[in-house]
Amino acid sequence: MKLFITGATGFVGAHVAQLAEAQGAELRLLARASSDTSRLPKDADVVVGDLRSPEGFAAALVGCDALIHVAADYRLWVPDPAEMYKANVEGTRSLLRLAREAGVRRVVYTSSVATMGFKMDGTVVDEETAVSEADMIGHYKRSKWMAEQVALEAGRAGQEVIVLNPTTPIGALDTKPTPTGRIVVDFLNRNFPAYVDTGLNLVDVDEIARMHLVALERGRVGERYILGGENLTLKQILDRLGKISGLPSPTMKVPHAVAMAFAYCDETVTGKWRGKEPRATVEAVQMGRKMMFASSAKAERELGLKVGSVEGALRAACAWFYKNGYVDKTGISCTGC
């Protein structure tokens, strides 16, 4: 099988590309000119292009059997939101059209659990939980919601599109790192003195990668599948990181109002005045008011998703960050990694 994969230089996409290569697929990978391609599979055909101008790499889709569209502009703070919508929404729309025109048989679109209808009371949601665009907090969530609607509409119109909604991936190779990876890095660097009352569903990134390839064969066209693992509070996650690393887990809980005030200040000073990405964002704090707990029962039934402890994935993430220069190693051995 010849696969065209976007986002292979990113966290999830890198794992998808590596697994696809291991399973014998012929790879054609999209990468921006500014991306680090050193970790891409050596035998892959790398195509330079940008989701904001997909016509520039349209010819590369010809001859491919399937498209796995993982790439997205994933930031919780962005100086120009229009660029995020151009990449995530219009880029997805154009890419799906170009795939149809090139005769690509099947498409897996990587959405996000951020498009689900989460509640503040910790209700576990699934694919059928009522949600609308009005529930989307911030530009990232809204752009992914809009892009997901584009993908689902293409499926209803007859294109073989399957939508996957990973929860919060964790594991090795998180080079950027992602917002979740930053939690791990900040903890290991002792920059996590307190926590807020929020919750996430963590999932092993290796299992997410496996599900992408399974979905190509077994996913139902026009359907979406939550790919999750364990529902954990932020405090539970930090406690596990403490057990793995030997570092103390924070015991002070910060009210959301205090976190929001800090985020406003950080966005103003670091973001607007200094032009850098703030450590805390208003969008992240707003999202944190909801417990992002989800059920992956549908993916378990139809795709064979393996839901279990994310202890191994957390250890893999800690070990990778520790070994690749993200962590100040002074006074820490990370023997549990």
C-alpha atoms as a PDB file:
ATOM      1  CA  MET A   1       0.000   0.000   0.000  1.00  0.00           C
ATOM      2  CA  LYS A   2       1.212   3.484  -0.859  1.00  0.00           C
ATOM      3  CA  LEU A   3       0.346   5.988   1.880  1.00  0.00           C
ATOM      4  CA  PHE A   4       0.416   9.769   1.785  1.00  0.00           C
ATOM      5  CA  ILE A   5       0.806  11.031   5.371  1.00  0.00           C
ATOM      6  CA  THR A   6       0.678  14.628   6.550  1.00  0.00           C
ATOM      7  CA  GLY A   7       2.127  15.631   9.898  1.00  0.00           C
ATOM      8  CA  ALA A   8       4.832  12.950   9.991  1.00  0.00           C
ATOM      9  CA  THR A   9       7.303  15.381  11.587  1.00  0.00           C
ATOM     10  CA  GLY A  10       4.858  15.891  14.462  1.00  0.00           C
ATOM     11  CA  PHE A  11       4.216  13.789  17.537  1.00  0.00           C
ATOM     12  CA  VAL A  12       1.371  11.495  16.481  1.00  0.00           C
ATOM     13  CA  GLY A  13       2.306  11.579  12.797  1.00  0.00           C
ATOM     14  CA  ALA A  14       5.858  10.404  13.508  1.00  0.00           C
ATOM     15  CA  HIS A  15       4.537   7.313  15.267  1.00  0.00           C
ATOM     16  CA  VAL A  16       2.047   6.641  12.458  1.00  0.00           C
ATOM     17  CA  ALA A  17       4.786   6.899   9.811  1.00  0.00           C
ATOM     18  CA  GLN A  18       7.201   4.646  11.710  1.00  0.00           C
ATOM     19  CA  LEU A  19       4.581   1.972  12.262  1.00  0.00           C
ATOM     20  CA  ALA A  20       3.384   2.138   8.655  1.00  0.00           C
ATOM     21  CA  GLU A  21       6.966   1.645   7.472  1.00  0.00           C
ATOM     22  CA  ALA A  22       7.401  -1.312   9.840  1.00  0.00           C
ATOM     23  CA  GLN A  23       4.277  -2.890   8.349  1.00  0.00           C
ATOM     24  CA  GLY A  24       5.679  -2.598   4.821  1.00  0.00           C
ATOM     25  CA  ALA A  25       3.829   0.443   3.479  1.00  0.00           C
ATOM     26  CA  GLU A  26       5.380   2.644   0.825  1.00  0.00           C
ATOM     27  CA  LEU A  27       5.445   6.157   2.268  1.00  0.00           C
ATOM     28  CA  ARG A  28       5.064   9.604   0.792  1.00  0.00           C
ATOM     29  CA  LEU A  29       5.315  12.180   3.587  1.00  0.00           C
ATOM     30  CA  LEU A  30       4.405  15.862   3.564  1.00  0.00           C
ATOM     31  CA  ALA A  31       6.765  18.214   5.399  1.00  0.00           C
ATOM     32  CA  ARG A  32       7.078  21.974   5.504  1.00  0.00           C
ATOM     33  CA  ALA A  33      10.332  23.508   4.279  1.00  0.00           C
ATOM     34  CA  SER A  34      11.127  24.576   7.846  1.00  0.00           C
ATOM     35  CA  SER A  35      10.460  21.152   9.412  1.00  0.00           C
ATOM     36  CA  ASP A  36      13.145  18.879  10.832  1.00  0.00           C
ATOM     37  CA  THR A  37      12.988  15.759   8.655  1.00  0.00           C
ATOM     38  CA  SER A  38      15.901  13.939  10.308  1.00  0.00           C
ATOM     39  CA  ARG A  39      13.605  11.509  12.162  1.00  0.00           C
ATOM     40  CA  LEU A  40      11.489  10.558   9.154  1.00  0.00           C
ATOM     41  CA  PRO A  41      11.810   6.996   7.804  1.00  0.00           C
ATOM     42  CA  LYS A  42      14.847   6.954   5.546  1.00  0.00           C
ATOM     43  CA  ASP A  43      13.125   5.193   2.644  1.00  0.00           C
ATOM     44  CA  ALA A  44      10.164   7.572   2.561  1.00  0.00           C
ATOM     45  CA  ASP A  45       9.521   9.968  -0.298  1.00  0.00           C
ATOM     46  CA  VAL A  46       9.443  13.397   1.365  1.00  0.00           C
ATOM     47  CA  VAL A  47       7.300  16.050  -0.306  1.00  0.00           C
ATOM     48  CA  VAL A  48       7.847  19.678   0.680  1.00  0.00           C
ATOM     49  CA  GLY A  49       4.630  21.644   1.010  1.00  0.00           C
ATOM     50  CA  ASP A  50       2.265  23.562   3.277  1.00  0.00           C
ATOM     51  CA  LEU A  51      -1.352  22.880   4.222  1.00  0.00           C
ATOM     52  CA  ARG A  52      -2.114  26.526   3.601  1.00  0.00           C
ATOM     53  CA  SER A  53      -1.275  25.982  -0.095  1.00  0.00           C
ATOM     54  CA  PRO A  54      -2.089  22.312  -0.817  1.00  0.00           C
ATOM     55  CA  GLU A  55      -2.322  22.815  -4.570  1.00  0.00           C
ATOM     56  CA  GLY A  56       1.455  23.062  -4.503  1.00  0.00           C
ATOM     57  CA  PHE A  57       1.791  19.339  -3.708  1.00  0.00           C
ATOM     58  CA  ALA A  58      -1.362  18.031  -5.422  1.00  0.00           C
ATOM     59  CA  ALA A  59       0.628  15.962  -7.920  1.00  0.00           C
ATOM     60  CA  ALA A  60       2.194  13.982  -5.063  1.00  0.00           C
ATOM     61  CA  LEU A  61      -1.207  12.491  -4.197  1.00  0.00           C
ATOM     62  CA  VAL A  62      -1.460  10.760  -7.575  1.00  0.00           C
ATOM     63  CA  GLY A  63      -0.776   7.043  -7.297  1.00  0.00           C
ATOM     64  CA  CYS A  64      -1.389   6.875  -3.541  1.00  0.00           C
ATOM     65  CA  ASP A  65      -3.865   4.305  -2.209  1.00  0.00           C
ATOM     66  CA  ALA A  66      -4.734   6.163   0.986  1.00  0.00           C
ATOM     67  CA  LEU A  67      -4.261   9.455   2.793  1.00  0.00           C
ATOM     68  CA  ILE A  68      -3.713   9.813   6.536  1.00  0.00           C
ATOM     69  CA  HIS A  69      -4.163  13.475   7.389  1.00  0.00           C
ATOM     70  CA  VAL A  70      -2.596  14.049  10.804  1.00  0.00           C
ATOM     71  CA  ALA A  71      -1.107  17.526  10.356  1.00  0.00           C
ATOM     72  CA  ALA A  72      -2.674  20.500  12.116  1.00  0.00           C
ATOM     73  CA  ASP A  73      -1.719  23.839  13.582  1.00  0.00           C
ATOM     74  CA  TYR A  74      -1.876  22.828  17.256  1.00  0.00           C
ATOM     75  CA  ARG A  75      -1.313  25.814  19.519  1.00  0.00           C
ATOM     76  CA  LEU A  76      -3.341  27.164  22.404  1.00  0.00           C
ATOM     77  CA  TRP A  77      -2.076  30.670  21.691  1.00  0.00           C
ATOM     78  CA  VAL A  78      -1.587  32.126  18.231  1.00  0.00           C
ATOM     79  CA  PRO A  79      -0.790  35.742  17.259  1.00  0.00           C
ATOM     80  CA  ASP A  80      -2.778  35.495  13.994  1.00  0.00           C
ATOM     81  CA  PRO A  81      -5.789  33.145  14.305  1.00  0.00           C
ATOM     82  CA  ALA A  82      -6.542  33.443  10.578  1.00  0.00           C
ATOM     83  CA  GLU A  83      -3.461  31.358   9.799  1.00  0.00           C
ATOM     84  CA  MET A  84      -4.750  28.547  12.050  1.00  0.00           C
ATOM     85  CA  TYR A  85      -8.112  28.429  10.265  1.00  0.00           C
ATOM     86  CA  LYS A  86      -6.387  28.541   6.897  1.00  0.00           C
ATOM     87  CA  ALA A  87      -4.281  25.481   7.754  1.00  0.00           C
ATOM     88  CA  ASN A  88      -6.749  23.448   9.794  1.00  0.00           C
ATOM     89  CA  VAL A  89     -10.053  24.155   8.029  1.00  0.00           C
ATOM     90  CA  GLU A  90      -9.377  25.325   4.480  1.00  0.00           C
ATOM     91  CA  GLY A  91      -6.283  23.132   4.241  1.00  0.00           C
ATOM     92  CA  THR A  92      -8.352  20.064   5.146  1.00  0.00           C
ATOM     93  CA  ARG A  93     -11.111  21.032   2.713  1.00  0.00           C
ATOM     94  CA  SER A  94      -8.666  21.463  -0.173  1.00  0.00           C
ATOM     95  CA  LEU A  95      -6.698  18.340   0.700  1.00  0.00           C
ATOM     96  CA  LEU A  96      -9.826  16.166   0.655  1.00  0.00           C
ATOM     97  CA  ARG A  97     -10.817  17.628  -2.714  1.00  0.00           C
ATOM     98  CA  LEU A  98      -7.359  17.028  -4.151  1.00  0.00           C
ATOM     99  CA  ALA A  99      -7.385  13.452  -2.836  1.00  0.00           C
ATOM    100  CA  ARG A 100     -10.703  12.813  -4.641  1.00  0.00           C
ATOM    101  CA  GLU A 101      -9.322  14.280  -7.845  1.00  0.00           C
ATOM    102  CA  ALA A 102      -6.160  12.153  -7.554  1.00  0.00           C
ATOM    103  CA  GLY A 103      -8.169   8.950  -7.092  1.00  0.00           C
ATOM    104  CA  VAL A 104      -7.007   8.291  -3.517  1.00  0.00           C
ATOM    105  CA  ARG A 105      -9.294   5.478  -2.355  1.00  0.00           C
ATOM    106  CA  ARG A 106      -9.502   6.024   1.402  1.00  0.00           C
ATOM    107  CA  VAL A 107      -8.803   8.801   3.917  1.00  0.00           C
ATOM    108  CA  VAL A 108      -8.241   8.795   7.672  1.00  0.00           C
ATOM    109  CA  TYR A 109      -8.602  12.269   9.147  1.00  0.00           C
ATOM    110  CA  THR A 110      -7.086  12.919  12.584  1.00  0.00           C
ATOM    111  CA  SER A 111      -9.388  15.229  14.479  1.00  0.00           C
ATOM    112  CA  SER A 112      -9.227  15.735  18.256  1.00  0.00           C
ATOM    113  CA  VAL A 113     -11.150  14.896  21.378  1.00  0.00           C
ATOM    114  CA  ALA A 114     -11.349  18.682  21.778  1.00  0.00           C
ATOM    115  CA  THR A 115     -14.393  18.609  19.482  1.00  0.00           C
ATOM    116  CA  MET A 116     -16.426  16.594  22.008  1.00  0.00           C
ATOM    117  CA  GLY A 117     -19.104  17.971  24.330  1.00  0.00           C
ATOM    118  CA  PHE A 118     -17.285  17.956  27.670  1.00  0.00           C
ATOM    119  CA  LYS A 119     -18.992  18.931  30.913  1.00  0.00           C
ATOM    120  CA  MET A 120     -17.788  20.648  34.079  1.00  0.00           C
ATOM    121  CA  ASP A 121     -19.110  17.845  36.299  1.00  0.00           C
ATOM    122  CA  GLY A 122     -16.763  15.177  34.944  1.00  0.00           C
ATOM    123  CA  THR A 123     -19.403  13.354  32.891  1.00  0.00           C
ATOM    124  CA  VAL A 124     -17.756  10.771  30.627  1.00  0.00           C
ATOM    125  CA  VAL A 125     -18.648  11.714  27.043  1.00  0.00           C
ATOM    126  CA  ASP A 126     -18.689   9.696  23.828  1.00  0.00           C
ATOM    127  CA  GLU A 127     -19.267  10.252  20.109  1.00  0.00           C
ATOM    128  CA  GLU A 128     -23.016  10.686  20.655  1.00  0.00           C
ATOM    129  CA  THR A 129     -22.816  13.363  23.368  1.00  0.00           C
ATOM    130  CA  ALA A 130     -24.579  16.530  22.158  1.00  0.00           C
ATOM    131  CA  VAL A 131     -22.172  19.307  21.138  1.00  0.00           C
ATOM    132  CA  SER A 132     -22.129  22.341  18.850  1.00  0.00           C
ATOM    133  CA  GLU A 133     -19.662  24.915  17.590  1.00  0.00           C
ATOM    134  CA  ALA A 134     -20.796  27.214  20.419  1.00  0.00           C
ATOM    135  CA  ASP A 135     -19.194  24.760  22.875  1.00  0.00           C
ATOM    136  CA  MET A 136     -15.756  25.176  21.307  1.00  0.00           C
ATOM    137  CA  ILE A 137     -13.378  27.258  23.454  1.00  0.00           C
ATOM    138  CA  GLY A 138     -10.668  29.126  21.587  1.00  0.00           C
ATOM    139  CA  HIS A 139      -9.369  29.082  18.042  1.00  0.00           C
ATOM    140  CA  TYR A 140      -7.724  25.653  18.116  1.00  0.00           C
ATOM    141  CA  LYS A 141     -10.863  23.845  19.260  1.00  0.00           C
ATOM    142  CA  ARG A 142     -13.069  25.836  16.905  1.00  0.00           C
ATOM    143  CA  SER A 143     -10.813  25.232  13.909  1.00  0.00           C
ATOM    144  CA  LYS A 144     -10.675  21.478  14.612  1.00  0.00           C
ATOM    145  CA  TRP A 145     -14.456  21.368  15.016  1.00  0.00           C
ATOM    146  CA  MET A 146     -14.913  23.111  11.662  1.00  0.00           C
ATOM    147  CA  ALA A 147     -12.369  20.851   9.960  1.00  0.00           C
ATOM    148  CA  GLU A 148     -14.073  17.759  11.397  1.00  0.00           C
ATOM    149  CA  GLN A 149     -17.390  18.915   9.949  1.00  0.00           C
ATOM    150  CA  VAL A 150     -15.682  19.248   6.553  1.00  0.00           C
ATOM    151  CA  ALA A 151     -14.383  15.677   6.813  1.00  0.00           C
ATOM    152  CA  LEU A 152     -17.734  14.249   7.932  1.00  0.00           C
ATOM    153  CA  GLU A 153     -19.554  16.069   5.145  1.00  0.00           C
ATOM    154  CA  ALA A 154     -17.108  14.598   2.615  1.00  0.00           C
ATOM    155  CA  GLY A 155     -17.933  11.160   4.036  1.00  0.00           C
ATOM    156  CA  ARG A 156     -21.660  11.791   3.694  1.00  0.00           C
ATOM    157  CA  ALA A 157     -21.083  12.889   0.101  1.00  0.00           C
ATOM    158  CA  GLY A 158     -19.483   9.551  -0.780  1.00  0.00           C
ATOM    159  CA  GLN A 159     -15.761  10.009  -0.131  1.00  0.00           C
ATOM    160  CA  GLU A 160     -14.289   7.187   1.977  1.00  0.00           C
ATOM    161  CA  VAL A 161     -13.367   9.279   5.029  1.00  0.00           C
ATOM    162  CA  ILE A 162     -12.983   8.000   8.593  1.00  0.00           C
ATOM    163  CA  VAL A 163     -12.508  10.467  11.469  1.00  0.00           C
ATOM    164  CA  LEU A 164     -10.356   9.640  14.509  1.00  0.00           C
ATOM    165  CA  ASN A 165     -10.513  11.660  17.737  1.00  0.00           C
ATOM    166  CA  PRO A 166      -7.436  10.958  19.875  1.00  0.00           C
ATOM    167  CA  THR A 167      -7.672  12.132  23.471  1.00  0.00           C
ATOM    168  CA  THR A 168      -4.377  13.261  25.032  1.00  0.00           C
ATOM    169  CA  PRO A 169      -1.419  11.330  23.591  1.00  0.00           C
ATOM    170  CA  ILE A 170       1.643  10.652  25.697  1.00  0.00           C
ATOM    171  CA  GLY A 171       4.899   8.900  24.898  1.00  0.00           C
ATOM    172  CA  ALA A 172       8.297   9.334  23.250  1.00  0.00           C
ATOM    173  CA  LEU A 173       9.241  11.575  20.278  1.00  0.00           C
ATOM    174  CA  ASP A 174       7.281  14.614  21.498  1.00  0.00           C
ATOM    175  CA  THR A 175       9.832  16.992  20.036  1.00  0.00           C
ATOM    176  CA  LYS A 176       7.900  20.263  20.149  1.00  0.00           C
ATOM    177  CA  PRO A 177       6.693  19.369  22.860  1.00  0.00           C
ATOM    178  CA  THR A 178       2.895  19.332  22.791  1.00  0.00           C
ATOM    179  CA  PRO A 179       0.970  21.063  25.632  1.00  0.00           C
ATOM    180  CA  THR A 180       0.696  17.675  27.362  1.00  0.00           C
ATOM    181  CA  GLY A 181       4.384  17.007  26.897  1.00  0.00           C
ATOM    182  CA  ARG A 182       5.050  20.374  28.477  1.00  0.00           C
ATOM    183  CA  ILE A 183       3.305  19.198  31.633  1.00  0.00           C
ATOM    184  CA  VAL A 184       5.825  16.352  31.858  1.00  0.00           C
ATOM    185  CA  VAL A 185       8.800  18.589  31.058  1.00  0.00           C
ATOM    186  CA  ASP A 186       7.746  21.269  33.537  1.00  0.00           C
ATOM    187  CA  PHE A 187       7.237  18.648  36.229  1.00  0.00           C
ATOM    188  CA  LEU A 188      10.665  17.095  35.661  1.00  0.00           C
ATOM    189  CA  ASN A 189      12.210  20.586  35.704  1.00  0.00           C
ATOM    190  CA  ARG A 190      10.443  21.355  39.017  1.00  0.00           C
ATOM    191  CA  ASN A 191       8.358  24.097  37.403  1.00  0.00           C
ATOM    192  CA  PHE A 192       5.026  22.721  38.597  1.00  0.00           C
ATOM    193  CA  PRO A 193       4.527  24.150  42.119  1.00  0.00           C
ATOM    194  CA  ALA A 194       0.712  23.881  42.083  1.00  0.00           C
ATOM    195  CA  TYR A 195      -2.159  22.412  40.111  1.00  0.00           C
ATOM    196  CA  VAL A 196      -5.738  23.216  39.106  1.00  0.00           C
ATOM    197  CA  ASP A 197      -8.746  20.944  39.448  1.00  0.00           C
ATOM    198  CA  THR A 198      -9.057  19.518  35.953  1.00  0.00           C
ATOM    199  CA  GLY A 199      -8.911  16.158  34.232  1.00  0.00           C
ATOM    200  CA  LEU A 200      -7.680  14.557  31.019  1.00  0.00           C
ATOM    201  CA  ASN A 201      -7.940  11.250  29.251  1.00  0.00           C
ATOM    202  CA  LEU A 202      -4.387  10.055  28.555  1.00  0.00           C
ATOM    203  CA  VAL A 203      -3.606   7.505  25.857  1.00  0.00           C
ATOM    204  CA  ASP A 204      -0.421   5.798  24.678  1.00  0.00           C
ATOM    205  CA  VAL A 205       0.668   7.425  21.415  1.00  0.00           C
ATOM    206  CA  ASP A 206       1.755   4.013  20.092  1.00  0.00           C
ATOM    207  CA  GLU A 207      -1.829   2.756  20.364  1.00  0.00           C
ATOM    208  CA  ILE A 208      -3.093   5.852  18.564  1.00  0.00           C
ATOM    209  CA  ALA A 209      -0.679   5.111  15.726  1.00  0.00           C
ATOM    210  CA  ARG A 210      -1.867   1.510  15.526  1.00  0.00           C
ATOM    211  CA  MET A 211      -5.477   2.639  15.333  1.00  0.00           C
ATOM    212  CA  HIS A 212      -4.742   4.859  12.327  1.00  0.00           C
ATOM    213  CA  LEU A 213      -3.633   1.868  10.291  1.00  0.00           C
ATOM    214  CA  VAL A 214      -6.464  -0.324  11.571  1.00  0.00           C
ATOM    215  CA  ALA A 215      -8.978   2.381  10.659  1.00  0.00           C
ATOM    216  CA  LEU A 216      -7.756   2.321   7.065  1.00  0.00           C
ATOM    217  CA  GLU A 217      -8.961  -1.261   6.833  1.00  0.00           C
ATOM    218  CA  ARG A 218     -11.828  -1.527   9.321  1.00  0.00           C
ATOM    219  CA  GLY A 219     -13.147   1.959  10.036  1.00  0.00           C
ATOM    220  CA  ARG A 220     -16.679   2.728   8.911  1.00  0.00           C
ATOM    221  CA  VAL A 221     -16.913   5.529   6.353  1.00  0.00           C
ATOM    222  CA  GLY A 222     -18.375   8.745   7.743  1.00  0.00           C
ATOM    223  CA  GLU A 223     -17.932   7.647  11.368  1.00  0.00           C
ATOM    224  CA  ARG A 224     -15.767   9.123  14.096  1.00  0.00           C
ATOM    225  CA  TYR A 225     -13.959   7.196  16.805  1.00  0.00           C
ATOM    226  CA  ILE A 226     -12.637   8.435  20.154  1.00  0.00           C
ATOM    227  CA  LEU A 227      -9.192   6.938  20.803  1.00  0.00           C
ATOM    228  CA  GLY A 228      -8.571   7.143  24.536  1.00  0.00           C
ATOM    229  CA  GLY A 229      -6.977   5.433  27.497  1.00  0.00           C
ATOM    230  CA  GLU A 230      -7.304   6.424  31.163  1.00  0.00           C
ATOM    231  CA  ASN A 231      -9.422   9.205  32.643  1.00  0.00           C
ATOM    232  CA  LEU A 232      -7.214  10.947  35.216  1.00  0.00           C
ATOM    233  CA  THR A 233      -7.296  14.198  37.156  1.00  0.00           C
ATOM    234  CA  LEU A 234      -4.300  16.469  36.716  1.00  0.00           C
ATOM    235  CA  LYS A 235      -3.345  15.705  40.324  1.00  0.00           C
ATOM    236  CA  GLN A 236      -3.368  11.955  39.586  1.00  0.00           C
ATOM    237  CA  ILE A 237      -1.132  12.528  36.561  1.00  0.00           C
ATOM    238  CA  LEU A 238       1.329  14.565  38.622  1.00  0.00           C
ATOM    239  CA  ASP A 239       1.334  11.934  41.359  1.00  0.00           C
ATOM    240  CA  ARG A 240       2.241   9.284  38.782  1.00  0.00           C
ATOM    241  CA  LEU A 241       5.019  11.472  37.416  1.00  0.00           C
ATOM    242  CA  GLY A 242       6.288  11.859  40.956  1.00  0.00           C
ATOM    243  CA  LYS A 243       6.348   8.097  41.442  1.00  0.00           C
ATOM    244  CA  ILE A 244       8.195   7.597  38.152  1.00  0.00           C
ATOM    245  CA  SER A 245      10.776  10.346  38.657  1.00  0.00           C
ATOM    246  CA  GLY A 246      11.171  10.369  42.423  1.00  0.00           C
ATOM    247  CA  LEU A 247      10.295  14.084  42.513  1.00  0.00           C
ATOM    248  CA  PRO A 248       7.617  15.458  44.871  1.00  0.00           C
ATOM    249  CA  SER A 249       4.166  16.027  43.439  1.00  0.00           C
ATOM    250  CA  PRO A 250       2.647  19.453  44.165  1.00  0.00           C
ATOM    251  CA  THR A 251       0.132  19.592  46.995  1.00  0.00           C
ATOM    252  CA  MET A 252      -1.218  23.121  46.515  1.00  0.00           C
ATOM    253  CA  LYS A 253      -4.389  23.494  44.452  1.00  0.00           C
ATOM    254  CA  VAL A 254      -4.893  26.828  42.694  1.00  0.00           C
ATOM    255  CA  PRO A 255      -8.437  28.159  42.135  1.00  0.00           C
ATOM    256  CA  HIS A 256      -9.366  28.649  38.477  1.00  0.00           C
ATOM    257  CA  ALA A 257      -9.845  32.370  39.090  1.00  0.00           C
ATOM    258  CA  VAL A 258      -6.214  32.734  40.156  1.00  0.00           C
ATOM    259  CA  ALA A 259      -5.022  30.663  37.193  1.00  0.00           C
ATOM    260  CA  MET A 260      -7.118  32.829  34.857  1.00  0.00           C
ATOM    261  CA  ALA A 261      -5.623  36.041  36.240  1.00  0.00           C
ATOM    262  CA  PHE A 262      -2.098  34.670  35.742  1.00  0.00           C
ATOM    263  CA  ALA A 263      -2.972  33.577  32.177  1.00  0.00           C
ATOM    264  CA  TYR A 264      -4.269  37.047  31.273  1.00  0.00           C
ATOM    265  CA  CYS A 265      -1.065  38.603  32.572  1.00  0.00           C
ATOM    266  CA  ASP A 266       1.148  36.058  30.814  1.00  0.00           C
ATOM    267  CA  GLU A 267      -0.657  36.488  27.489  1.00  0.00           C
ATOM    268  CA  THR A 268      -0.330  40.260  27.769  1.00  0.00           C
ATOM    269  CA  VAL A 269       3.311  40.432  28.834  1.00  0.00           C
ATOM    270  CA  THR A 270       4.814  37.369  27.128  1.00  0.00           C
ATOM    271  CA  GLY A 271       2.449  37.156  24.161  1.00  0.00           C
ATOM    272  CA  LYS A 272       1.483  40.682  23.141  1.00  0.00           C
ATOM    273  CA  TRP A 273       4.441  42.677  24.444  1.00  0.00           C
ATOM    274  CA  ARG A 274       7.295  40.211  23.885  1.00  0.00           C
ATOM    275  CA  GLY A 275       5.835  38.316  20.919  1.00  0.00           C
ATOM    276  CA  LYS A 276       6.575  34.921  22.457  1.00  0.00           C
ATOM    277  CA  GLU A 277       4.294  32.002  23.297  1.00  0.00           C
ATOM    278  CA  PRO A 278       3.064  32.375  26.906  1.00  0.00           C
ATOM    279  CA  ARG A 279       3.460  29.533  29.392  1.00  0.00           C
ATOM    280  CA  ALA A 280      -0.157  29.899  30.513  1.00  0.00           C
ATOM    281  CA  THR A 281      -2.998  30.845  28.165  1.00  0.00           C
ATOM    282  CA  VAL A 282      -6.555  31.975  28.777  1.00  0.00           C
ATOM    283  CA  GLU A 283      -7.768  29.274  26.392  1.00  0.00           C
ATOM    284  CA  ALA A 284      -5.983  26.535  28.339  1.00  0.00           C
ATOM    285  CA  VAL A 285      -7.433  27.721  31.658  1.00  0.00           C
ATOM    286  CA  GLN A 286     -10.926  27.954  30.151  1.00  0.00           C
ATOM    287  CA  MET A 287     -10.579  24.423  28.799  1.00  0.00           C
ATOM    288  CA  GLY A 288      -9.363  23.291  32.199  1.00  0.00           C
ATOM    289  CA  ARG A 289     -12.690  24.133  33.799  1.00  0.00           C
ATOM    290  CA  LYS A 290     -14.089  21.054  32.081  1.00  0.00           C
ATOM    291  CA  MET A 291     -13.079  17.501  32.937  1.00  0.00           C
ATOM    292  CA  MET A 292     -12.098  16.020  29.572  1.00  0.00           C
ATOM    293  CA  PHE A 293     -13.161  12.476  30.435  1.00  0.00           C
ATOM    294  CA  ALA A 294     -14.168  10.290  27.496  1.00  0.00           C
ATOM    295  CA  SER A 295     -15.225   6.769  26.589  1.00  0.00           C
ATOM    296  CA  SER A 296     -13.538   4.813  23.787  1.00  0.00           C
ATOM    297  CA  ALA A 297     -16.054   1.955  23.818  1.00  0.00           C
ATOM    298  CA  LYS A 298     -16.930   2.410  20.149  1.00  0.00           C
ATOM    299  CA  ALA A 299     -13.296   2.137  19.037  1.00  0.00           C
ATOM    300  CA  GLU A 300     -12.836  -0.845  21.337  1.00  0.00           C
ATOM    301  CA  ARG A 301     -15.774  -2.646  19.719  1.00  0.00           C
ATOM    302  CA  GLU A 302     -15.173  -1.765  16.091  1.00  0.00           C
ATOM    303  CA  LEU A 303     -11.420  -1.220  15.788  1.00  0.00           C
ATOM    304  CA  GLY A 304     -10.017  -3.326  18.606  1.00  0.00           C
ATOM    305  CA  LEU A 305      -8.585  -0.381  20.551  1.00  0.00           C
ATOM    306  CA  LYS A 306      -6.673  -1.602  23.608  1.00  0.00           C
ATOM    307  CA  VAL A 307      -7.560   0.562  26.598  1.00  0.00           C
ATOM    308  CA  GLY A 308      -5.307   0.145  29.614  1.00  0.00           C
ATOM    309  CA  SER A 309      -2.935   1.861  32.012  1.00  0.00           C
ATOM    310  CA  VAL A 310      -0.823   4.669  30.573  1.00  0.00           C
ATOM    311  CA  GLU A 311       1.946   4.032  33.106  1.00  0.00           C
ATOM    312  CA  GLY A 312       4.270   2.713  30.405  1.00  0.00           C
ATOM    313  CA  ALA A 313       3.583   5.662  28.112  1.00  0.00           C
ATOM    314  CA  LEU A 314       4.274   8.143  30.920  1.00  0.00           C
ATOM    315  CA  ARG A 315       7.557   6.358  31.661  1.00  0.00           C
ATOM    316  CA  ALA A 316       8.463   6.454  27.957  1.00  0.00           C
ATOM    317  CA  ALA A 317       7.759  10.191  27.822  1.00  0.00           C
ATOM    318  CA  CYS A 318       9.831  10.889  30.939  1.00  0.00           C
ATOM    319  CA  ALA A 319      12.728   8.806  29.660  1.00  0.00           C
ATOM    320  CA  TRP A 320      12.672  10.434  26.214  1.00  0.00           C
ATOM    321  CA  PHE A 321      12.604  13.995  27.561  1.00  0.00           C
ATOM    322  CA  TYR A 322      15.322  13.108  30.085  1.00  0.00           C
ATOM    323  CA  LYS A 323      17.612  11.569  27.471  1.00  0.00           C
ATOM    324  CA  ASN A 324      17.088  14.252  24.809  1.00  0.00           C
ATOM    325  CA  GLY A 325      18.046  17.379  26.702  1.00  0.00           C
ATOM    326  CA  TYR A 326      14.654  18.717  27.804  1.00  0.00           C
ATOM    327  CA  VAL A 327      15.344  18.217  31.503  1.00  0.00           C
ATOM    328  CA  ASP A 328      17.771  19.831  33.931  1.00  0.00           C
ATOM    329  CA  LYS A 329      19.385  16.649  35.267  1.00  0.00           C
ATOM    330  CA  THR A 330      20.819  18.314  38.346  1.00  0.00           C
ATOM    331  CA  GLY A 331      19.800  16.240  41.363  1.00  0.00           C
ATOM    332  CA  ILE A 332      17.570  13.879  39.404  1.00  0.00           C
ATOM    333  CA  SER A 333      18.383  10.384  38.181  1.00  0.00           C
ATOM    334  CA  CYS A 334      14.999   9.504  36.679  1.00  0.00           C
ATOM    335  CA  THR A 335      15.692   5.893  37.588  1.00  0.00           C
ATOM    336  CA  GLY A 336      11.986   5.080  37.277  1.00  0.00           C
ATOM    337  CA  CYS A 337      11.875   6.217  33.657  1.00  0.00           C
END
